[in-house]
Amino acid sequence: MLCKVLAFSTRNMLESQKKSMNSPEYIVILFYVFAHIADPKTLVELHRQKGTELGLTGRMLVAEEGVNATFEGTRESVDAYIAFLRTDPLFATIKIKESAGTGSAFPKLTIKVRKEIVTLGAGTFDVANETAKELPAEDLQKWYETNEDFVVLDLRNDYEIASGQFEKTIDPGLANFRDLPQKLEELKHLKDKKVVTVCTGGIRCEKATCLLTREGFTDVYQLKDGIHTYMEKFPGDRFKGTLFVFDNRMTTPVIDTENREIIGRCIMCDVPTEEYYSDDSTRPSKKVLCCTNCYSVNTDRFRTRV
């Protein structure tokens, strides 16, 4: 049975207690764009210079296919960066998602050129023309309310899904996003089903649905602007739990609610938890959910670093 608990996880409570009334407000932003980048190296240098000037930390990947970025900074520095971003037609109208930061979500600023901005390894796609139809969060909510016949295909890694997922979710069991092409045979029963793909901010869905439609999936949608945006608009509703993020916060509720469900379970004792650790008992190491009590007696096995 799912367990309802107070909204803040143990880690969030401890971080909140450490902050003084005069501490600056930190914000994490997430954005991406699929568009042809003629000169990725020049774009990298431009944003590295601006990010350094503003004291931002985080990551940006630039490829010929587009840009994928997550940054943290003070409210003032983030607003200045967004203003800078909007002066470039490439980023003028993109969706920028925000959530509360900690001031230590990332250790440094890293901006690099890559072959892909999100690695699927299934060839090249004309994302603008091949990606699936977008389904706004409001329409997904209506589908739930009217008992529409559909399934949610969560394209995040399996450990991300462990702490938060939609009702009607199918977990394809991805250790990494690039595993999706090898999972298509197991998903073939969905080819004529109404499928809504979901991921954190939308980037994985944009590329994955190109592959799905090429492979004969006939009625595929993607949740517009990702789970993050749904949680902003409908906190504590059809998405249960919390949202995994690839930084030192590990999770964010986006907008917290008093009766939010914790659906994650400790790998050791099965109590509800949203605490992630790196499990070094396997190679490669993997991220797992573990409660604070079990972590305290297994510090040789688990690490807190992202």
C-alpha atoms as a PDB file:
ATOM      1  CA  MET A   1       0.000   0.000   0.000  1.00  0.00           C
ATOM      2  CA  LEU A   2       1.258   3.459  -0.892  1.00  0.00           C
ATOM      3  CA  CYS A   3       2.154   5.496   2.149  1.00  0.00           C
ATOM      4  CA  LYS A   4       1.160   9.152   2.490  1.00  0.00           C
ATOM      5  CA  VAL A   5       3.593  11.281   4.431  1.00  0.00           C
ATOM      6  CA  LEU A   6       4.488  14.897   4.940  1.00  0.00           C
ATOM      7  CA  ALA A   7       5.739  16.685   1.873  1.00  0.00           C
ATOM      8  CA  PHE A   8       9.395  17.260   2.627  1.00  0.00           C
ATOM      9  CA  SER A   9      11.907  14.441   2.404  1.00  0.00           C
ATOM     10  CA  THR A  10      14.506  14.087   5.132  1.00  0.00           C
ATOM     11  CA  ARG A  11      17.191  15.561   2.921  1.00  0.00           C
ATOM     12  CA  ASN A  12      15.095  18.605   2.035  1.00  0.00           C
ATOM     13  CA  MET A  13      14.314  19.201   5.710  1.00  0.00           C
ATOM     14  CA  LEU A  14      17.974  19.129   6.662  1.00  0.00           C
ATOM     15  CA  GLU A  15      18.879  21.529   3.858  1.00  0.00           C
ATOM     16  CA  SER A  16      16.098  23.904   4.880  1.00  0.00           C
ATOM     17  CA  GLN A  17      17.300  23.931   8.485  1.00  0.00           C
ATOM     18  CA  LYS A  18      20.790  24.939   7.365  1.00  0.00           C
ATOM     19  CA  LYS A  19      19.592  27.998   5.463  1.00  0.00           C
ATOM     20  CA  SER A  20      19.433  31.292   7.295  1.00  0.00           C
ATOM     21  CA  MET A  21      16.875  33.990   6.648  1.00  0.00           C
ATOM     22  CA  ASN A  22      19.498  36.045   4.814  1.00  0.00           C
ATOM     23  CA  SER A  23      20.636  33.270   2.455  1.00  0.00           C
ATOM     24  CA  PRO A  24      20.240  33.994  -1.256  1.00  0.00           C
ATOM     25  CA  GLU A  25      17.537  32.182  -3.195  1.00  0.00           C
ATOM     26  CA  TYR A  26      19.016  29.585  -5.542  1.00  0.00           C
ATOM     27  CA  ILE A  27      17.221  28.454  -8.682  1.00  0.00           C
ATOM     28  CA  VAL A  28      17.848  25.518 -10.998  1.00  0.00           C
ATOM     29  CA  ILE A  29      16.827  25.960 -14.628  1.00  0.00           C
ATOM     30  CA  LEU A  30      16.400  23.290 -17.268  1.00  0.00           C
ATOM     31  CA  PHE A  31      16.029  23.858 -21.007  1.00  0.00           C
ATOM     32  CA  TYR A  32      16.789  22.316 -24.371  1.00  0.00           C
ATOM     33  CA  VAL A  33      16.237  22.910 -28.058  1.00  0.00           C
ATOM     34  CA  PHE A  34      16.516  20.711 -31.118  1.00  0.00           C
ATOM     35  CA  ALA A  35      17.804  22.910 -33.937  1.00  0.00           C
ATOM     36  CA  HIS A  36      20.759  22.889 -36.304  1.00  0.00           C
ATOM     37  CA  ILE A  37      23.840  24.394 -34.651  1.00  0.00           C
ATOM     38  CA  ALA A  38      26.283  25.376 -37.383  1.00  0.00           C
ATOM     39  CA  ASP A  39      29.188  26.118 -35.035  1.00  0.00           C
ATOM     40  CA  PRO A  40      28.852  24.270 -31.691  1.00  0.00           C
ATOM     41  CA  LYS A  41      32.307  25.338 -30.460  1.00  0.00           C
ATOM     42  CA  THR A  42      31.504  29.048 -30.760  1.00  0.00           C
ATOM     43  CA  LEU A  43      28.228  28.582 -28.880  1.00  0.00           C
ATOM     44  CA  VAL A  44      30.053  26.680 -26.141  1.00  0.00           C
ATOM     45  CA  GLU A  45      32.572  29.479 -25.648  1.00  0.00           C
ATOM     46  CA  LEU A  46      29.860  32.145 -25.593  1.00  0.00           C
ATOM     47  CA  HIS A  47      27.824  30.412 -22.889  1.00  0.00           C
ATOM     48  CA  ARG A  48      30.864  29.357 -20.898  1.00  0.00           C
ATOM     49  CA  GLN A  49      31.966  32.979 -20.730  1.00  0.00           C
ATOM     50  CA  LYS A  50      28.505  34.203 -19.701  1.00  0.00           C
ATOM     51  CA  GLY A  51      27.955  31.420 -17.196  1.00  0.00           C
ATOM     52  CA  THR A  52      31.332  32.057 -15.576  1.00  0.00           C
ATOM     53  CA  GLU A  53      30.656  35.798 -15.425  1.00  0.00           C
ATOM     54  CA  LEU A  54      27.356  35.182 -13.618  1.00  0.00           C
ATOM     55  CA  GLY A  55      28.710  32.512 -11.267  1.00  0.00           C
ATOM     56  CA  LEU A  56      26.490  29.735 -12.610  1.00  0.00           C
ATOM     57  CA  THR A  57      27.172  26.048 -12.086  1.00  0.00           C
ATOM     58  CA  GLY A  58      25.752  23.140 -14.024  1.00  0.00           C
ATOM     59  CA  ARG A  59      26.016  21.474 -17.411  1.00  0.00           C
ATOM     60  CA  MET A  60      25.399  22.309 -21.054  1.00  0.00           C
ATOM     61  CA  LEU A  61      25.806  19.948 -23.982  1.00  0.00           C
ATOM     62  CA  VAL A  62      25.973  21.384 -27.485  1.00  0.00           C
ATOM     63  CA  ALA A  63      25.806  19.316 -30.675  1.00  0.00           C
ATOM     64  CA  GLU A  64      24.892  19.944 -34.271  1.00  0.00           C
ATOM     65  CA  GLU A  65      21.399  18.699 -33.363  1.00  0.00           C
ATOM     66  CA  GLY A  66      20.809  21.256 -30.579  1.00  0.00           C
ATOM     67  CA  VAL A  67      21.442  22.279 -26.960  1.00  0.00           C
ATOM     68  CA  ASN A  68      20.636  20.632 -23.616  1.00  0.00           C
ATOM     69  CA  ALA A  69      21.347  22.495 -20.361  1.00  0.00           C
ATOM     70  CA  THR A  70      20.772  22.580 -16.615  1.00  0.00           C
ATOM     71  CA  PHE A  71      22.191  25.435 -14.524  1.00  0.00           C
ATOM     72  CA  GLU A  72      22.003  26.679 -10.939  1.00  0.00           C
ATOM     73  CA  GLY A  73      22.545  30.191  -9.653  1.00  0.00           C
ATOM     74  CA  THR A  74      21.075  32.890  -7.476  1.00  0.00           C
ATOM     75  CA  ARG A  75      17.762  34.355  -8.539  1.00  0.00           C
ATOM     76  CA  GLU A  76      19.559  37.453  -9.780  1.00  0.00           C
ATOM     77  CA  SER A  77      22.167  35.562 -11.807  1.00  0.00           C
ATOM     78  CA  VAL A  78      19.612  33.175 -13.303  1.00  0.00           C
ATOM     79  CA  ASP A  79      17.377  36.063 -14.368  1.00  0.00           C
ATOM     80  CA  ALA A  80      20.387  37.759 -15.977  1.00  0.00           C
ATOM     81  CA  TYR A  81      21.298  34.573 -17.820  1.00  0.00           C
ATOM     82  CA  ILE A  82      17.729  34.075 -19.068  1.00  0.00           C
ATOM     83  CA  ALA A  83      17.687  37.660 -20.348  1.00  0.00           C
ATOM     84  CA  PHE A  84      20.951  36.927 -22.187  1.00  0.00           C
ATOM     85  CA  LEU A  85      19.526  33.663 -23.525  1.00  0.00           C
ATOM     86  CA  ARG A  86      16.408  35.338 -24.908  1.00  0.00           C
ATOM     87  CA  THR A  87      18.472  37.696 -27.071  1.00  0.00           C
ATOM     88  CA  ASP A  88      19.409  34.714 -29.258  1.00  0.00           C
ATOM     89  CA  PRO A  89      16.584  33.745 -31.677  1.00  0.00           C
ATOM     90  CA  LEU A  90      17.516  30.101 -31.053  1.00  0.00           C
ATOM     91  CA  PHE A  91      16.293  30.397 -27.451  1.00  0.00           C
ATOM     92  CA  ALA A  92      13.748  33.207 -27.767  1.00  0.00           C
ATOM     93  CA  THR A  93      10.644  31.072 -27.282  1.00  0.00           C
ATOM     94  CA  ILE A  94      11.849  27.871 -25.629  1.00  0.00           C
ATOM     95  CA  LYS A  95      10.334  26.641 -22.378  1.00  0.00           C
ATOM     96  CA  ILE A  96      12.641  27.182 -19.387  1.00  0.00           C
ATOM     97  CA  LYS A  97      11.703  25.087 -16.360  1.00  0.00           C
ATOM     98  CA  GLU A  98      12.567  26.233 -12.847  1.00  0.00           C
ATOM     99  CA  SER A  99      12.809  24.519  -9.477  1.00  0.00           C
ATOM    100  CA  ALA A 100      14.267  25.387  -6.095  1.00  0.00           C
ATOM    101  CA  GLY A 101      18.035  25.007  -5.816  1.00  0.00           C
ATOM    102  CA  THR A 102      20.330  24.518  -2.837  1.00  0.00           C
ATOM    103  CA  GLY A 103      23.442  26.453  -3.848  1.00  0.00           C
ATOM    104  CA  SER A 104      25.303  23.160  -4.240  1.00  0.00           C
ATOM    105  CA  ALA A 105      23.330  21.282  -6.884  1.00  0.00           C
ATOM    106  CA  PHE A 106      26.411  21.168  -9.134  1.00  0.00           C
ATOM    107  CA  PRO A 107      30.120  21.222  -8.252  1.00  0.00           C
ATOM    108  CA  LYS A 108      31.153  23.415 -11.198  1.00  0.00           C
ATOM    109  CA  LEU A 109      30.233  24.780 -14.622  1.00  0.00           C
ATOM    110  CA  THR A 110      30.739  22.308 -17.495  1.00  0.00           C
ATOM    111  CA  ILE A 111      29.903  23.186 -21.110  1.00  0.00           C
ATOM    112  CA  LYS A 112      30.964  20.778 -23.850  1.00  0.00           C
ATOM    113  CA  VAL A 113      30.484  19.785 -27.464  1.00  0.00           C
ATOM    114  CA  ARG A 114      28.954  16.327 -27.899  1.00  0.00           C
ATOM    115  CA  LYS A 115      27.761  14.156 -30.787  1.00  0.00           C
ATOM    116  CA  GLU A 116      24.224  14.051 -29.330  1.00  0.00           C
ATOM    117  CA  ILE A 117      22.573  16.244 -26.702  1.00  0.00           C
ATOM    118  CA  VAL A 118      20.773  13.170 -25.384  1.00  0.00           C
ATOM    119  CA  THR A 119      22.290   9.832 -26.348  1.00  0.00           C
ATOM    120  CA  LEU A 120      20.007   7.295 -28.008  1.00  0.00           C
ATOM    121  CA  GLY A 121      22.510   5.866 -30.489  1.00  0.00           C
ATOM    122  CA  ALA A 122      19.856   5.019 -33.083  1.00  0.00           C
ATOM    123  CA  GLY A 123      21.012   7.209 -35.939  1.00  0.00           C
ATOM    124  CA  THR A 124      19.948  10.699 -36.914  1.00  0.00           C
ATOM    125  CA  PHE A 125      16.433  12.093 -36.829  1.00  0.00           C
ATOM    126  CA  ASP A 126      14.678  15.122 -38.218  1.00  0.00           C
ATOM    127  CA  VAL A 127      13.172  15.822 -34.812  1.00  0.00           C
ATOM    128  CA  ALA A 128      11.067  18.784 -35.926  1.00  0.00           C
ATOM    129  CA  ASN A 129       9.232  16.614 -38.474  1.00  0.00           C
ATOM    130  CA  GLU A 130       9.477  13.101 -37.015  1.00  0.00           C
ATOM    131  CA  THR A 131       8.681  13.626 -33.331  1.00  0.00           C
ATOM    132  CA  ALA A 132       5.246  12.675 -31.973  1.00  0.00           C
ATOM    133  CA  LYS A 133       2.304  14.936 -31.283  1.00  0.00           C
ATOM    134  CA  GLU A 134       2.552  17.003 -28.114  1.00  0.00           C
ATOM    135  CA  LEU A 135      -0.022  16.441 -25.387  1.00  0.00           C
ATOM    136  CA  PRO A 136      -0.328  19.402 -22.984  1.00  0.00           C
ATOM    137  CA  ALA A 137      -0.504  18.651 -19.273  1.00  0.00           C
ATOM    138  CA  GLU A 138      -4.107  19.879 -19.178  1.00  0.00           C
ATOM    139  CA  ASP A 139      -5.143  17.366 -21.844  1.00  0.00           C
ATOM    140  CA  LEU A 140      -3.413  14.510 -20.058  1.00  0.00           C
ATOM    141  CA  GLN A 141      -5.290  15.487 -16.914  1.00  0.00           C
ATOM    142  CA  LYS A 142      -8.583  15.360 -18.847  1.00  0.00           C
ATOM    143  CA  TRP A 143      -7.725  11.926 -20.169  1.00  0.00           C
ATOM    144  CA  TYR A 144      -7.332  10.689 -16.625  1.00  0.00           C
ATOM    145  CA  GLU A 145     -10.560  12.337 -15.517  1.00  0.00           C
ATOM    146  CA  THR A 146     -12.563  10.893 -18.438  1.00  0.00           C
ATOM    147  CA  ASN A 147     -10.970   7.439 -18.169  1.00  0.00           C
ATOM    148  CA  GLU A 148      -9.454   7.613 -21.642  1.00  0.00           C
ATOM    149  CA  ASP A 149      -7.943   4.325 -22.842  1.00  0.00           C
ATOM    150  CA  PHE A 150      -4.182   4.971 -22.877  1.00  0.00           C
ATOM    151  CA  VAL A 151      -0.908   3.974 -21.240  1.00  0.00           C
ATOM    152  CA  VAL A 152       2.025   6.068 -20.060  1.00  0.00           C
ATOM    153  CA  LEU A 153       5.402   4.922 -21.364  1.00  0.00           C
ATOM    154  CA  ASP A 154       8.038   6.355 -19.036  1.00  0.00           C
ATOM    155  CA  LEU A 155      11.303   6.795 -20.942  1.00  0.00           C
ATOM    156  CA  ARG A 156      13.424   7.611 -17.899  1.00  0.00           C
ATOM    157  CA  ASN A 157      15.894   5.188 -16.348  1.00  0.00           C
ATOM    158  CA  ASP A 158      14.381   2.537 -14.105  1.00  0.00           C
ATOM    159  CA  TYR A 159      15.863   4.020 -10.924  1.00  0.00           C
ATOM    160  CA  GLU A 160      14.245   7.400 -11.727  1.00  0.00           C
ATOM    161  CA  ILE A 161      10.823   5.778 -12.000  1.00  0.00           C
ATOM    162  CA  ALA A 162      11.298   4.079  -8.619  1.00  0.00           C
ATOM    163  CA  SER A 163      10.653   7.334  -6.712  1.00  0.00           C
ATOM    164  CA  GLY A 164       7.942   8.862  -8.875  1.00  0.00           C
ATOM    165  CA  GLN A 165       5.600   7.871 -11.680  1.00  0.00           C
ATOM    166  CA  PHE A 166       2.227   8.502 -13.280  1.00  0.00           C
ATOM    167  CA  GLU A 167      -0.809   6.328 -12.891  1.00  0.00           C
ATOM    168  CA  LYS A 168      -1.023   3.853 -15.813  1.00  0.00           C
ATOM    169  CA  THR A 169       2.774   3.802 -16.179  1.00  0.00           C
ATOM    170  CA  ILE A 170       4.620   1.137 -18.121  1.00  0.00           C
ATOM    171  CA  ASP A 171       8.272   0.910 -17.086  1.00  0.00           C
ATOM    172  CA  PRO A 172      10.340  -0.453 -20.009  1.00  0.00           C
ATOM    173  CA  GLY A 173      13.235  -1.217 -17.650  1.00  0.00           C
ATOM    174  CA  LEU A 174      15.864   1.099 -19.081  1.00  0.00           C
ATOM    175  CA  ALA A 175      19.193   1.177 -17.275  1.00  0.00           C
ATOM    176  CA  ASN A 176      20.100   3.966 -19.710  1.00  0.00           C
ATOM    177  CA  PHE A 177      18.120   5.857 -22.341  1.00  0.00           C
ATOM    178  CA  ARG A 178      20.282   4.321 -25.059  1.00  0.00           C
ATOM    179  CA  ASP A 179      18.829   0.895 -24.138  1.00  0.00           C
ATOM    180  CA  LEU A 180      15.491   1.795 -25.749  1.00  0.00           C
ATOM    181  CA  PRO A 181      16.253   0.394 -29.239  1.00  0.00           C
ATOM    182  CA  GLN A 182      16.896  -3.030 -27.652  1.00  0.00           C
ATOM    183  CA  LYS A 183      13.575  -2.873 -25.759  1.00  0.00           C
ATOM    184  CA  LEU A 184      11.346  -2.358 -28.800  1.00  0.00           C
ATOM    185  CA  GLU A 185      10.568  -6.049 -29.202  1.00  0.00           C
ATOM    186  CA  GLU A 186       9.248  -6.163 -25.626  1.00  0.00           C
ATOM    187  CA  LEU A 187       7.093  -3.097 -26.317  1.00  0.00           C
ATOM    188  CA  LYS A 188       5.588  -4.276 -29.612  1.00  0.00           C
ATOM    189  CA  HIS A 189       2.221  -4.999 -27.932  1.00  0.00           C
ATOM    190  CA  LEU A 190       1.825  -1.214 -27.640  1.00  0.00           C
ATOM    191  CA  LYS A 191       2.130  -0.520 -31.374  1.00  0.00           C
ATOM    192  CA  ASP A 192      -1.623  -0.015 -31.843  1.00  0.00           C
ATOM    193  CA  LYS A 193      -2.277   1.324 -28.348  1.00  0.00           C
ATOM    194  CA  LYS A 194      -2.657   5.003 -27.436  1.00  0.00           C
ATOM    195  CA  VAL A 195       0.723   5.727 -25.832  1.00  0.00           C
ATOM    196  CA  VAL A 196       1.782   8.872 -23.969  1.00  0.00           C
ATOM    197  CA  THR A 197       5.550   9.066 -23.566  1.00  0.00           C
ATOM    198  CA  VAL A 198       6.939  10.969 -20.590  1.00  0.00           C
ATOM    199  CA  CYS A 199      10.336  12.047 -19.299  1.00  0.00           C
ATOM    200  CA  THR A 200      11.701  14.741 -16.993  1.00  0.00           C
ATOM    201  CA  GLY A 201      11.663  17.810 -19.233  1.00  0.00           C
ATOM    202  CA  GLY A 202      10.694  16.480 -22.657  1.00  0.00           C
ATOM    203  CA  ILE A 203      14.028  15.990 -24.416  1.00  0.00           C
ATOM    204  CA  ARG A 204      14.100  12.193 -24.282  1.00  0.00           C
ATOM    205  CA  CYS A 205      10.525  11.991 -25.556  1.00  0.00           C
ATOM    206  CA  GLU A 206      11.288  14.247 -28.501  1.00  0.00           C
ATOM    207  CA  LYS A 207      13.955  11.875 -29.781  1.00  0.00           C
ATOM    208  CA  ALA A 208      12.477   8.553 -28.645  1.00  0.00           C
ATOM    209  CA  THR A 209       9.126   9.126 -30.343  1.00  0.00           C
ATOM    210  CA  CYS A 210      10.949   9.618 -33.640  1.00  0.00           C
ATOM    211  CA  LEU A 211      12.246   6.074 -33.193  1.00  0.00           C
ATOM    212  CA  LEU A 212       8.878   4.700 -32.062  1.00  0.00           C
ATOM    213  CA  THR A 213       6.998   6.096 -35.041  1.00  0.00           C
ATOM    214  CA  ARG A 214       9.665   4.788 -37.434  1.00  0.00           C
ATOM    215  CA  GLU A 215       9.214   1.365 -35.852  1.00  0.00           C
ATOM    216  CA  GLY A 216       5.456   1.292 -36.474  1.00  0.00           C
ATOM    217  CA  PHE A 217       3.902   2.662 -33.273  1.00  0.00           C
ATOM    218  CA  THR A 218       0.744   4.231 -34.646  1.00  0.00           C
ATOM    219  CA  ASP A 219      -0.786   6.368 -31.884  1.00  0.00           C
ATOM    220  CA  VAL A 220       2.040   7.998 -29.952  1.00  0.00           C
ATOM    221  CA  TYR A 221       2.001  11.268 -28.002  1.00  0.00           C
ATOM    222  CA  GLN A 222       4.615  13.036 -25.914  1.00  0.00           C
ATOM    223  CA  LEU A 223       3.811  14.961 -22.740  1.00  0.00           C
ATOM    224  CA  LYS A 224       4.528  18.571 -23.653  1.00  0.00           C
ATOM    225  CA  ASP A 225       7.429  20.030 -21.629  1.00  0.00           C
ATOM    226  CA  GLY A 226       7.746  16.870 -19.595  1.00  0.00           C
ATOM    227  CA  ILE A 227       6.830  15.637 -16.127  1.00  0.00           C
ATOM    228  CA  HIS A 228       8.292  18.793 -14.578  1.00  0.00           C
ATOM    229  CA  THR A 229       5.616  20.972 -16.185  1.00  0.00           C
ATOM    230  CA  TYR A 230       2.793  18.572 -15.266  1.00  0.00           C
ATOM    231  CA  MET A 231       3.947  18.687 -11.634  1.00  0.00           C
ATOM    232  CA  GLU A 232       3.935  22.496 -11.718  1.00  0.00           C
ATOM    233  CA  LYS A 233       0.340  22.546 -12.941  1.00  0.00           C
ATOM    234  CA  PHE A 234      -1.082  19.559 -11.050  1.00  0.00           C
ATOM    235  CA  PRO A 235       1.055  19.030  -7.929  1.00  0.00           C
ATOM    236  CA  GLY A 236       0.333  15.858  -5.991  1.00  0.00           C
ATOM    237  CA  ASP A 237      -2.200  14.575  -8.521  1.00  0.00           C
ATOM    238  CA  ARG A 238      -1.763  11.792 -11.100  1.00  0.00           C
ATOM    239  CA  PHE A 239       2.018  11.826 -10.826  1.00  0.00           C
ATOM    240  CA  LYS A 240       2.813  10.121  -7.527  1.00  0.00           C
ATOM    241  CA  GLY A 241       6.036  10.640  -5.608  1.00  0.00           C
ATOM    242  CA  THR A 242       8.906  12.932  -6.503  1.00  0.00           C
ATOM    243  CA  LEU A 243      10.976  13.788  -9.578  1.00  0.00           C
ATOM    244  CA  PHE A 244      14.519  12.442  -9.896  1.00  0.00           C
ATOM    245  CA  VAL A 245      17.048  15.010 -11.127  1.00  0.00           C
ATOM    246  CA  PHE A 246      20.656  14.594 -12.282  1.00  0.00           C
ATOM    247  CA  ASP A 247      22.324  16.842  -9.728  1.00  0.00           C
ATOM    248  CA  ASN A 248      23.206  16.805  -6.038  1.00  0.00           C
ATOM    249  CA  ARG A 249      19.607  17.428  -4.996  1.00  0.00           C
ATOM    250  CA  MET A 250      18.759  13.970  -6.414  1.00  0.00           C
ATOM    251  CA  THR A 251      15.004  14.715  -6.294  1.00  0.00           C
ATOM    252  CA  THR A 252      12.619  17.651  -6.390  1.00  0.00           C
ATOM    253  CA  PRO A 253       8.870  17.759  -5.748  1.00  0.00           C
ATOM    254  CA  VAL A 254       8.799  20.847  -8.068  1.00  0.00           C
ATOM    255  CA  ILE A 255       5.846  22.166  -6.027  1.00  0.00           C
ATOM    256  CA  ASP A 256       5.400  20.426  -2.711  1.00  0.00           C
ATOM    257  CA  THR A 257       2.059  19.521  -1.169  1.00  0.00           C
ATOM    258  CA  GLU A 258       1.205  18.483   2.368  1.00  0.00           C
ATOM    259  CA  ASN A 259      -0.206  15.063   1.467  1.00  0.00           C
ATOM    260  CA  ARG A 260       2.212  14.101  -1.315  1.00  0.00           C
ATOM    261  CA  GLU A 261       2.696  10.345  -1.529  1.00  0.00           C
ATOM    262  CA  ILE A 262       6.115   8.797  -1.114  1.00  0.00           C
ATOM    263  CA  ILE A 263       6.149   5.721  -3.336  1.00  0.00           C
ATOM    264  CA  GLY A 264       9.874   4.941  -3.282  1.00  0.00           C
ATOM    265  CA  ARG A 265      10.981   1.961  -1.188  1.00  0.00           C
ATOM    266  CA  CYS A 266      14.275   1.296   0.555  1.00  0.00           C
ATOM    267  CA  ILE A 267      16.232  -1.424  -1.233  1.00  0.00           C
ATOM    268  CA  MET A 268      17.245  -2.893   2.138  1.00  0.00           C
ATOM    269  CA  CYS A 269      14.151  -2.776   4.381  1.00  0.00           C
ATOM    270  CA  ASP A 270      11.295  -1.646   2.081  1.00  0.00           C
ATOM    271  CA  VAL A 271      10.233   1.389   4.143  1.00  0.00           C
ATOM    272  CA  PRO A 272       9.079   4.475   2.183  1.00  0.00           C
ATOM    273  CA  THR A 273      11.974   6.747   1.204  1.00  0.00           C
ATOM    274  CA  GLU A 274      13.094   9.237  -1.429  1.00  0.00           C
ATOM    275  CA  GLU A 275      16.796   9.115  -0.504  1.00  0.00           C
ATOM    276  CA  TYR A 276      19.100   8.089  -3.355  1.00  0.00           C
ATOM    277  CA  TYR A 277      22.619   6.729  -3.007  1.00  0.00           C
ATOM    278  CA  SER A 278      25.148   5.214  -5.376  1.00  0.00           C
ATOM    279  CA  ASP A 279      25.451   1.472  -4.764  1.00  0.00           C
ATOM    280  CA  ASP A 280      29.088   0.416  -5.177  1.00  0.00           C
ATOM    281  CA  SER A 281      28.397  -3.287  -4.630  1.00  0.00           C
ATOM    282  CA  THR A 282      27.864  -3.627  -8.398  1.00  0.00           C
ATOM    283  CA  ARG A 283      29.949  -2.589 -11.385  1.00  0.00           C
ATOM    284  CA  PRO A 284      29.122  -0.219 -12.814  1.00  0.00           C
ATOM    285  CA  SER A 285      27.755   1.482  -9.722  1.00  0.00           C
ATOM    286  CA  LYS A 286      24.008   2.139  -9.802  1.00  0.00           C
ATOM    287  CA  LYS A 287      21.635   4.538  -8.065  1.00  0.00           C
ATOM    288  CA  VAL A 288      19.262   3.025  -5.526  1.00  0.00           C
ATOM    289  CA  LEU A 289      16.768   4.163  -2.921  1.00  0.00           C
ATOM    290  CA  CYS A 290      17.867   3.599   0.657  1.00  0.00           C
ATOM    291  CA  CYS A 291      16.484   4.975   3.930  1.00  0.00           C
ATOM    292  CA  THR A 292      18.770   6.903   6.285  1.00  0.00           C
ATOM    293  CA  ASN A 293      18.808   4.098   8.863  1.00  0.00           C
ATOM    294  CA  CYS A 294      19.984   1.473   6.385  1.00  0.00           C
ATOM    295  CA  TYR A 295      22.488   3.894   4.872  1.00  0.00           C
ATOM    296  CA  SER A 296      24.026   4.521   8.293  1.00  0.00           C
ATOM    297  CA  VAL A 297      24.983   0.859   8.639  1.00  0.00           C
ATOM    298  CA  ASN A 298      26.013   0.396   4.986  1.00  0.00           C
ATOM    299  CA  THR A 299      28.305   3.359   4.358  1.00  0.00           C
ATOM    300  CA  ASP A 300      30.908   1.017   2.843  1.00  0.00           C
ATOM    301  CA  ARG A 301      28.392   0.128   0.131  1.00  0.00           C
ATOM    302  CA  PHE A 302      26.544   3.379  -0.518  1.00  0.00           C
ATOM    303  CA  ARG A 303      27.810   6.823  -1.565  1.00  0.00           C
ATOM    304  CA  THR A 304      25.930  10.115  -1.485  1.00  0.00           C
ATOM    305  CA  ARG A 305      27.627  11.688  -4.516  1.00  0.00           C
ATOM    306  CA  VAL A 306      25.725  12.012  -7.790  1.00  0.00           C
END
